[in-house]
Amino acid sequence: MRWKALSDDGHVVSGVYTFGVGVPAPVVTDAVGAGGPTTSEHIVRWMYFVGLALLVGGMGFQLLVVRRPPSGRFYAVAGAGAVVVLESGIVAFLLRAEDALQLPFRSFLYGDLSPISGGTRFGQAFIAMELGFALVTALLFLAWLTDRYKRLLWPAFALGLAFASGLSLSGHSSSGSGAELADWLHLCAAVLWVGGLVQLVAVVWPTAPELRRIAFRRFSRLATVCVAVLVGAGTYLSIQRLPQLRDLWQTGYGHVLLVKLGLVSLALVWGAAHQFVALPRITHDGVATRIGRSMLGESAVAMAVLLTAAVLVDSRPPPRPAPQAPTANAVAGAGTSARPAATRARSAWAPGSSRALRR
């Protein structure tokens, strides 16, 4: 039920709630009239993933790979990621609420969003993640302000990884069978991989030539672990979300997944070429310049991977086929001992049913 009321101060207050008669009330975001995720929501979710990579992945790269006092450019890139995470999270919530309430965007100032913010997993995760990443941003700012990066960046990094689980707990993976944990590991691995790659291209390569070789080697080790987790968790999630193998090429969800797999494969081949071909010759200036440009291209492919991931998160996996009732032949083959009981059950039921029909 969608409602509107004119308040005493002249503003139009509106909202929506759901109910069920004999069945549980559906969640507000599944109300009749809601059209589901739009292209705008896909783009905003992609921006959220990019922000997570710049913020959480950037801090992980600084702590696990660089291991020295951060530069001003690191704080600039990570701070930009923090702003993107906070702002895109708000926009994603408003877009989802707009779709559920079926209200124009200008009416949100006096809209009742409590059924979405408190009555859905998406709304609860939004509130927790906004507050959590606001705390992460504060710790990042204090690290830049006080130069105590070890004492502040480590808790900020741990909190960032922890609050990223809100996406897994509020999406399609919140269905049990370990899917939430696999989705969170998948997201964390992608964030560390993409964020570290951006830091390597945007921070280390132009500002710290003396760190290029050692940072590249350390990041290669970290990326190997991330890719292993990424592939393992992604394979498990694909098996969970695709009931049948043909869904991979017969459904829209499967088509997007195929595109994502193709982009990931391209990025892996690109990274392998850097590892085995470019790394031994990285000390030469000309080679280092070409590697920097090549890693920029690899970063673009990684951003495309995050875009397909955003579309997958907002898409509905194909439904599982309903269990079929046992056939007559299967019942007949159950054994002769079941036949007398079935015969007695039919004879006991038939008189009562005929009297009921006559009445």
Protein backbone atom coordinates (compact mmCIF):
# COMPACT_ATOMS: atom_id res chain seq x y z
CA MET A 1 0.00 0.00 0.00
CA ARG A 2 1.39 3.38 -1.03
CA TRP A 3 0.04 6.40 0.81
CA LYS A 4 0.26 10.18 0.71
CA ALA A 5 -0.89 12.71 3.27
CA LEU A 6 -0.88 16.48 3.48
CA SER A 7 0.80 17.51 6.74
CA ASP A 8 -0.13 20.52 8.85
CA ASP A 9 2.82 22.55 7.53
CA GLY A 10 1.71 22.02 3.93
CA HIS A 11 4.22 19.33 2.92
CA VAL A 12 3.11 16.12 1.23
CA VAL A 13 4.33 13.13 3.27
CA SER A 14 4.34 9.75 1.54
CA GLY A 15 5.44 6.18 2.10
CA VAL A 16 4.77 2.51 1.45
CA TYR A 17 4.21 -0.65 3.48
CA THR A 18 3.34 -4.25 2.67
CA PHE A 19 1.06 -6.78 4.35
CA GLY A 20 -0.07 -10.35 3.78
CA VAL A 21 -3.32 -12.18 4.44
CA GLY A 22 -2.58 -15.80 5.21
CA VAL A 23 0.99 -15.40 3.89
CA PRO A 24 4.03 -13.47 5.16
CA ALA A 25 4.25 -9.86 4.00
CA PRO A 26 6.77 -9.40 1.18
CA VAL A 27 9.70 -7.07 1.67
CA VAL A 28 9.13 -3.50 0.60
CA THR A 29 11.65 -3.66 -2.24
CA ASP A 30 9.60 -6.49 -3.81
CA ALA A 31 6.34 -4.55 -3.68
CA VAL A 32 4.05 -4.55 -6.71
CA GLY A 33 5.21 -1.88 -9.12
CA ALA A 34 8.89 -2.03 -8.24
CA GLY A 35 10.82 -2.49 -11.44
CA GLY A 36 14.04 -3.87 -9.99
CA PRO A 37 17.60 -2.61 -10.52
CA THR A 38 18.09 -0.09 -13.32
CA THR A 39 21.10 1.01 -15.34
CA SER A 40 21.63 3.86 -12.90
CA GLU A 41 21.80 1.39 -10.02
CA HIS A 42 24.34 -0.72 -11.92
CA ILE A 43 26.57 2.33 -12.43
CA VAL A 44 26.26 3.41 -8.79
CA ARG A 45 27.06 -0.11 -7.57
CA TRP A 46 30.10 -0.13 -9.87
CA MET A 47 31.23 3.19 -8.39
CA TYR A 48 30.81 1.66 -4.93
CA PHE A 49 33.08 -1.24 -5.89
CA VAL A 50 35.66 1.16 -7.33
CA GLY A 51 35.57 3.20 -4.13
CA LEU A 52 36.10 0.06 -2.05
CA ALA A 53 39.09 -0.87 -4.21
CA LEU A 54 40.66 2.58 -3.86
CA LEU A 55 40.04 2.77 -0.11
CA VAL A 56 40.35 -0.75 1.31
CA GLY A 57 42.56 -2.16 -1.44
CA GLY A 58 44.79 0.90 -1.29
CA MET A 59 45.30 0.54 2.46
CA GLY A 60 46.03 -3.16 2.03
CA PHE A 61 48.64 -2.36 -0.63
CA GLN A 62 50.28 0.24 1.61
CA LEU A 63 50.43 -2.06 4.64
CA LEU A 64 51.26 -5.37 2.95
CA VAL A 65 53.37 -4.27 -0.01
CA VAL A 66 54.94 -0.81 0.46
CA ARG A 67 55.58 -1.09 4.24
CA ARG A 68 56.89 2.44 4.69
CA PRO A 69 55.38 5.84 5.59
CA PRO A 70 52.61 6.68 3.10
CA SER A 71 53.00 9.46 0.60
CA GLY A 72 50.59 12.31 0.04
CA ARG A 73 49.41 10.75 -3.21
CA PHE A 74 48.41 7.58 -1.35
CA TYR A 75 46.20 9.60 0.98
CA ALA A 76 44.71 11.44 -2.01
CA VAL A 77 43.78 8.21 -3.82
CA ALA A 78 42.49 6.46 -0.67
CA GLY A 79 40.59 9.59 0.41
CA ALA A 80 38.92 9.78 -2.99
CA GLY A 81 37.87 6.16 -2.55
CA ALA A 82 36.38 6.97 0.86
CA VAL A 83 34.31 9.82 -0.58
CA VAL A 84 33.08 7.62 -3.43
CA VAL A 85 32.08 4.83 -1.02
CA LEU A 86 30.10 7.14 1.25
CA GLU A 87 28.38 9.12 -1.49
CA SER A 88 27.60 6.21 -3.80
CA GLY A 89 26.19 4.26 -0.86
CA ILE A 90 23.70 7.05 -0.17
CA VAL A 91 22.74 7.32 -3.84
CA ALA A 92 22.28 3.52 -4.10
CA PHE A 93 19.93 3.56 -1.11
CA LEU A 94 17.90 6.45 -2.54
CA LEU A 95 17.60 4.80 -5.95
CA ARG A 96 16.41 1.55 -4.39
CA ALA A 97 13.91 3.49 -2.25
CA GLU A 98 12.71 5.43 -5.28
CA ASP A 99 11.97 2.21 -7.10
CA ALA A 100 10.11 0.70 -4.13
CA LEU A 101 8.12 3.81 -3.21
CA GLN A 102 7.38 4.72 -6.83
CA LEU A 103 7.93 8.35 -5.91
CA PRO A 104 9.79 11.10 -7.76
CA PHE A 105 13.23 11.84 -6.40
CA ARG A 106 12.20 15.30 -5.16
CA SER A 107 9.63 13.76 -2.79
CA PHE A 108 12.24 11.92 -0.72
CA LEU A 109 12.78 14.89 1.57
CA TYR A 110 9.38 14.16 3.17
CA GLY A 111 9.19 10.45 2.39
CA ASP A 112 8.90 7.71 4.99
CA LEU A 113 11.90 5.46 4.30
CA SER A 114 11.74 3.54 7.58
CA PRO A 115 10.18 0.38 6.03
CA ILE A 116 13.22 0.14 3.76
CA SER A 117 15.93 1.27 6.16
CA GLY A 118 14.75 -0.94 9.02
CA GLY A 119 12.64 -3.63 7.40
CA THR A 120 14.95 -4.96 4.70
CA ARG A 121 18.42 -6.52 4.70
CA PHE A 122 19.49 -3.93 2.15
CA GLY A 123 18.45 -1.02 4.38
CA GLN A 124 20.03 -2.45 7.51
CA ALA A 125 23.27 -3.15 5.64
CA PHE A 126 23.22 0.38 4.22
CA ILE A 127 23.05 1.96 7.68
CA ALA A 128 25.77 -0.29 9.11
CA MET A 129 28.10 0.21 6.14
CA GLU A 130 27.66 3.99 6.03
CA LEU A 131 28.49 4.30 9.73
CA GLY A 132 31.34 1.80 9.43
CA PHE A 133 33.01 3.45 6.45
CA ALA A 134 32.57 6.86 8.06
CA LEU A 135 34.70 5.48 10.91
CA VAL A 136 37.22 4.10 8.42
CA THR A 137 37.41 7.52 6.76
CA ALA A 138 38.00 9.18 10.13
CA LEU A 139 40.87 6.81 10.91
CA LEU A 140 42.39 7.45 7.49
CA PHE A 141 42.18 11.21 8.06
CA LEU A 142 43.77 10.90 11.50
CA ALA A 143 46.59 8.81 10.03
CA TRP A 144 47.31 11.58 7.52
CA LEU A 145 46.99 14.27 10.19
CA THR A 146 49.18 12.66 12.85
CA ASP A 147 51.58 10.48 10.80
CA ARG A 148 50.74 7.48 13.02
CA TYR A 149 49.89 5.35 10.05
CA LYS A 150 50.71 1.94 11.58
CA ARG A 151 48.45 2.46 14.60
CA LEU A 152 45.56 3.84 12.55
CA LEU A 153 45.72 2.25 9.10
CA TRP A 154 45.69 -1.33 10.39
CA PRO A 155 42.37 -0.95 12.29
CA ALA A 156 40.96 1.06 9.37
CA PHE A 157 41.94 -1.72 6.96
CA ALA A 158 40.43 -4.43 9.19
CA LEU A 159 37.20 -2.47 9.64
CA GLY A 160 36.97 -1.87 5.90
CA LEU A 161 37.20 -5.59 5.16
CA ALA A 162 34.68 -6.36 7.90
CA PHE A 163 32.05 -3.83 6.79
CA ALA A 164 32.39 -4.93 3.18
CA SER A 165 30.55 -8.08 4.28
CA GLY A 166 27.35 -6.02 4.32
CA LEU A 167 27.12 -6.42 0.55
CA SER A 168 27.26 -10.20 0.91
CA LEU A 169 24.75 -10.33 3.77
CA SER A 170 22.19 -8.20 1.93
CA GLY A 171 22.40 -9.63 -1.59
CA HIS A 172 21.58 -12.87 -3.39
CA SER A 173 24.28 -14.72 -1.45
CA SER A 174 22.40 -14.49 1.86
CA SER A 175 20.82 -17.90 1.36
CA GLY A 176 22.99 -20.13 3.53
CA SER A 177 25.25 -22.99 2.42
CA GLY A 178 28.33 -20.83 3.03
CA ALA A 179 27.50 -18.52 0.12
CA GLU A 180 27.83 -15.39 2.27
CA LEU A 181 31.38 -16.29 3.30
CA ALA A 182 32.35 -17.20 -0.27
CA ASP A 183 30.90 -13.94 -1.61
CA TRP A 184 32.74 -11.90 1.04
CA LEU A 185 36.05 -13.64 0.27
CA HIS A 186 35.42 -13.09 -3.45
CA LEU A 187 34.80 -9.38 -2.89
CA CYS A 188 37.81 -8.91 -0.58
CA ALA A 189 40.14 -10.64 -3.03
CA ALA A 190 38.90 -8.47 -5.91
CA VAL A 191 39.21 -5.29 -3.84
CA LEU A 192 42.80 -6.06 -2.80
CA TRP A 193 43.78 -7.03 -6.34
CA VAL A 194 42.25 -4.04 -8.13
CA GLY A 195 43.10 -1.52 -5.41
CA GLY A 196 46.71 -2.68 -5.26
CA LEU A 197 47.01 -2.46 -9.03
CA VAL A 198 45.73 1.13 -9.00
CA GLN A 199 48.14 2.07 -6.21
CA LEU A 200 51.02 0.50 -8.12
CA VAL A 201 50.17 2.51 -11.25
CA ALA A 202 49.09 5.81 -9.69
CA VAL A 203 51.38 6.08 -6.64
CA VAL A 204 54.49 3.88 -6.78
CA TRP A 205 55.34 4.08 -10.48
CA PRO A 206 55.36 7.90 -10.89
CA THR A 207 56.61 8.94 -7.43
CA ALA A 208 58.93 6.17 -6.14
CA PRO A 209 61.13 4.70 -8.91
CA GLU A 210 63.38 3.05 -6.31
CA LEU A 211 60.44 0.97 -5.07
CA ARG A 212 59.20 -0.24 -8.44
CA ARG A 213 60.93 -3.61 -8.53
CA ILE A 214 60.40 -4.62 -4.90
CA ALA A 215 56.79 -3.34 -4.86
CA PHE A 216 56.04 -5.13 -8.12
CA ARG A 217 57.48 -8.39 -6.77
CA ARG A 218 55.60 -8.18 -3.46
CA PHE A 219 52.37 -7.26 -5.20
CA SER A 220 52.76 -10.22 -7.54
CA ARG A 221 52.80 -12.54 -4.54
CA LEU A 222 49.76 -10.84 -3.03
CA ALA A 223 47.94 -10.88 -6.36
CA THR A 224 48.60 -14.61 -6.76
CA VAL A 225 46.85 -15.31 -3.45
CA CYS A 226 44.00 -12.94 -4.33
CA VAL A 227 43.47 -14.54 -7.72
CA ALA A 228 43.42 -18.03 -6.19
CA VAL A 229 40.75 -16.93 -3.69
CA LEU A 230 38.90 -15.07 -6.42
CA VAL A 231 38.73 -18.09 -8.73
CA GLY A 232 37.91 -20.58 -5.97
CA ALA A 233 35.14 -18.52 -4.38
CA GLY A 234 33.78 -17.51 -7.79
CA THR A 235 33.55 -21.13 -8.91
CA TYR A 236 31.68 -22.08 -5.74
CA LEU A 237 29.24 -19.16 -6.15
CA SER A 238 28.63 -20.04 -9.80
CA ILE A 239 27.69 -23.59 -8.82
CA GLN A 240 25.37 -22.25 -6.11
CA ARG A 241 23.63 -19.68 -8.32
CA LEU A 242 23.33 -21.62 -11.58
CA PRO A 243 21.10 -24.66 -11.02
CA GLN A 244 21.94 -26.16 -14.42
CA LEU A 245 24.94 -25.85 -16.70
CA ARG A 246 22.85 -24.64 -19.64
CA ASP A 247 21.84 -21.59 -17.59
CA LEU A 248 25.32 -20.30 -18.33
CA TRP A 249 24.42 -19.62 -21.98
CA GLN A 250 20.60 -19.56 -21.85
CA THR A 251 19.99 -16.88 -19.20
CA GLY A 252 20.90 -13.22 -18.91
CA TYR A 253 22.66 -13.88 -15.61
CA GLY A 254 24.79 -16.52 -17.30
CA HIS A 255 25.64 -14.17 -20.19
CA VAL A 256 26.95 -11.50 -17.82
CA LEU A 257 28.90 -14.16 -15.93
CA LEU A 258 30.53 -15.31 -19.19
CA VAL A 259 31.57 -11.73 -19.97
CA LYS A 260 33.04 -11.42 -16.48
CA LEU A 261 34.95 -14.68 -16.85
CA GLY A 262 36.36 -13.50 -20.17
CA LEU A 263 37.56 -10.22 -18.67
CA VAL A 264 39.09 -11.99 -15.67
CA SER A 265 40.92 -14.39 -17.99
CA LEU A 266 42.28 -11.45 -19.99
CA ALA A 267 43.48 -9.74 -16.81
CA LEU A 268 45.15 -12.94 -15.61
CA VAL A 269 47.02 -13.40 -18.89
CA TRP A 270 48.06 -9.75 -18.77
CA GLY A 271 49.34 -10.10 -15.21
CA ALA A 272 51.21 -13.29 -16.08
CA ALA A 273 52.99 -11.48 -18.92
CA HIS A 274 54.07 -8.79 -16.48
CA GLN A 275 55.28 -11.38 -13.99
CA PHE A 276 57.31 -13.61 -16.29
CA VAL A 277 58.34 -11.24 -19.10
CA ALA A 278 58.50 -7.71 -17.78
CA LEU A 279 59.68 -8.17 -14.19
CA PRO A 280 63.23 -9.43 -15.04
CA ARG A 281 63.84 -6.29 -17.14
CA ILE A 282 62.12 -3.73 -14.94
CA THR A 283 65.34 -1.88 -14.00
CA HIS A 284 65.68 -0.31 -17.47
CA ASP A 285 63.96 3.07 -17.77
CA GLY A 286 62.43 2.37 -21.15
CA VAL A 287 61.06 -0.97 -20.00
CA ALA A 288 59.71 0.59 -16.80
CA THR A 289 57.83 3.22 -18.81
CA ARG A 290 56.26 0.61 -21.06
CA ILE A 291 55.31 -1.53 -18.06
CA GLY A 292 53.60 1.47 -16.49
CA ARG A 293 51.47 1.98 -19.58
CA SER A 294 50.72 -1.72 -19.77
CA MET A 295 49.61 -1.82 -16.14
CA LEU A 296 47.34 1.13 -16.87
CA GLY A 297 45.62 -1.02 -19.48
CA GLU A 298 45.38 -3.90 -17.03
CA SER A 299 43.78 -1.52 -14.53
CA ALA A 300 41.15 -0.58 -17.13
CA VAL A 301 40.34 -4.27 -17.61
CA ALA A 302 40.08 -4.68 -13.82
CA MET A 303 37.60 -1.78 -13.69
CA ALA A 304 35.55 -3.52 -16.37
CA VAL A 305 35.57 -6.66 -14.20
CA LEU A 306 34.12 -4.60 -11.33
CA LEU A 307 31.43 -3.27 -13.68
CA THR A 308 30.28 -6.76 -14.65
CA ALA A 309 30.39 -7.73 -10.98
CA ALA A 310 28.08 -4.80 -10.19
CA VAL A 311 25.60 -5.98 -12.83
CA LEU A 312 25.75 -9.53 -11.46
CA VAL A 313 25.09 -8.38 -7.89
CA ASP A 314 21.99 -6.45 -8.99
CA SER A 315 20.74 -9.28 -11.24
CA ARG A 316 18.53 -12.13 -10.12
CA PRO A 317 20.01 -15.62 -10.60
CA PRO A 318 17.91 -18.14 -12.52
CA PRO A 319 15.34 -19.94 -10.33
CA ARG A 320 15.90 -23.50 -9.31
CA PRO A 321 13.51 -26.03 -10.86
CA ALA A 322 10.65 -27.08 -8.61
CA PRO A 323 10.85 -30.66 -7.27
CA GLN A 324 8.67 -33.02 -9.28
CA ALA A 325 5.97 -35.17 -7.69
CA PRO A 326 6.56 -38.94 -7.74
CA THR A 327 5.10 -40.64 -10.81
CA ALA A 328 2.60 -43.48 -10.78
CA ASN A 329 5.24 -45.98 -11.83
CA ALA A 330 7.49 -44.93 -8.95
CA VAL A 331 4.63 -45.39 -6.47
CA ALA A 332 3.75 -48.77 -7.94
CA GLY A 333 7.37 -49.90 -7.68
CA ALA A 334 7.59 -49.07 -4.00
CA GLY A 335 6.68 -52.66 -3.08
CA THR A 336 3.63 -54.86 -2.59
CA SER A 337 3.51 -54.15 1.15
CA ALA A 338 2.30 -50.60 0.47
CA ARG A 339 -0.71 -51.72 -1.63
CA PRO A 340 -2.97 -53.01 1.15
CA ALA A 341 -2.47 -49.85 3.18
CA ALA A 342 -3.28 -47.72 0.17
CA THR A 343 -6.38 -49.82 -0.53
CA ARG A 344 -7.58 -49.42 3.08
CA ALA A 345 -6.96 -45.68 2.88
CA ARG A 346 -9.07 -45.36 -0.29
CA SER A 347 -11.92 -47.43 1.14
CA ALA A 348 -11.93 -45.40 4.36
CA TRP A 349 -11.93 -42.09 2.49
CA ALA A 350 -14.53 -42.90 -0.18
CA PRO A 351 -17.70 -43.03 2.00
CA GLY A 352 -16.90 -39.82 3.81
CA SER A 353 -16.18 -38.02 0.59
CA SER A 354 -19.43 -39.19 -1.03
CA ARG A 355 -21.45 -37.97 1.98
CA ALA A 356 -19.66 -34.65 1.82
CA LEU A 357 -20.52 -34.37 -1.87
CA ARG A 358 -24.18 -35.17 -1.19
CA ARG A 359 -24.33 -32.55 1.56
